[in-house]
């Protein structure tokens, strides 16, 4: 199974990465609560036989200053 972003804006691709083997999502850039407190995007899983599944990921950013 390989994992990738679904149809997501470029801004999401600049802030997050997805490991194609494990599906683990990590930050690729700094997140600013004041700018945006929640990110919702889709991930895609594809197997070797051509089947594809999708899931929705929601990341909530907390304000560490409060």
Protein backbone atom coordinates (compact mmCIF):
# COMPACT_ATOMS: atom_id res chain seq x y z
CA UNK A 1 0.00 0.00 0.00
CA UNK A 2 1.30 3.47 -0.84
CA UNK A 3 0.00 6.67 0.71
CA UNK A 4 -0.20 10.17 -0.75
CA UNK A 5 -2.16 13.39 -0.52
CA UNK A 6 -5.51 13.43 -2.23
CA UNK A 7 -6.67 16.59 -3.95
CA UNK A 8 -5.22 19.18 -1.55
CA UNK A 9 -4.20 22.83 -1.94
CA UNK A 10 -0.52 23.65 -2.43
CA UNK A 11 -0.51 25.38 0.98
CA UNK A 12 -1.17 22.02 2.67
CA UNK A 13 1.65 20.37 0.71
CA UNK A 14 4.04 23.09 1.92
CA UNK A 15 3.11 22.57 5.59
CA UNK A 16 2.75 18.78 5.77
CA UNK A 17 4.39 15.68 4.35
CA UNK A 18 3.08 12.13 4.16
CA UNK A 19 5.34 9.06 4.28
CA UNK A 20 4.39 7.00 1.23
CA UNK A 21 5.10 3.69 3.00
CA UNK A 22 3.61 4.23 6.47
CA UNK A 23 1.06 7.00 5.85
CA UNK A 24 2.53 9.03 8.72
CA UNK A 25 1.76 12.75 8.42
CA UNK A 26 4.40 15.21 9.68
CA UNK A 27 4.81 18.95 9.66
CA UNK A 28 7.13 20.30 6.99
CA UNK A 29 6.93 23.92 8.07
CA UNK A 30 5.94 26.02 11.05
CA UNK A 31 2.25 26.19 11.96
CA UNK A 32 0.79 29.43 13.27
CA UNK A 33 -2.38 29.22 15.38
CA UNK A 34 -3.10 32.89 14.72
CA UNK A 35 -3.08 32.23 10.98
CA UNK A 36 -5.08 28.98 10.97
CA UNK A 37 -6.16 26.77 13.86
CA UNK A 38 -7.40 23.76 11.89
CA UNK A 39 -6.35 21.89 8.76
CA UNK A 40 -8.57 19.33 7.06
CA UNK A 41 -7.37 17.41 4.02
CA UNK A 42 -7.64 14.01 2.36
CA UNK A 43 -5.13 11.19 2.14
CA UNK A 44 -5.20 8.44 -0.44
CA UNK A 45 -4.10 4.81 -0.01
CA UNK A 46 -3.45 2.76 -3.15
CA UNK A 47 -2.66 -0.94 -3.30
CA UNK A 48 -0.76 -2.80 -6.01
CA UNK A 49 -3.98 -4.11 -7.54
CA UNK A 50 -5.35 -0.69 -8.44
CA UNK A 51 -7.76 -0.25 -5.52
CA UNK A 52 -7.83 3.15 -3.85
CA UNK A 53 -9.17 4.28 -0.48
CA UNK A 54 -9.49 7.76 0.98
CA UNK A 55 -9.67 9.21 4.47
CA UNK A 56 -10.05 12.69 5.88
CA UNK A 57 -7.37 14.02 8.22
CA UNK A 58 -8.05 16.85 10.67
CA UNK A 59 -5.18 18.57 12.46
CA UNK A 60 -6.01 21.00 15.26
CA UNK A 61 -3.31 23.54 16.09
CA UNK A 62 -3.10 24.70 19.72
CA UNK A 63 -1.82 28.10 20.80
CA UNK A 64 1.19 27.50 23.05
CA UNK A 65 1.18 31.14 24.23
CA UNK A 66 -2.18 30.80 26.02
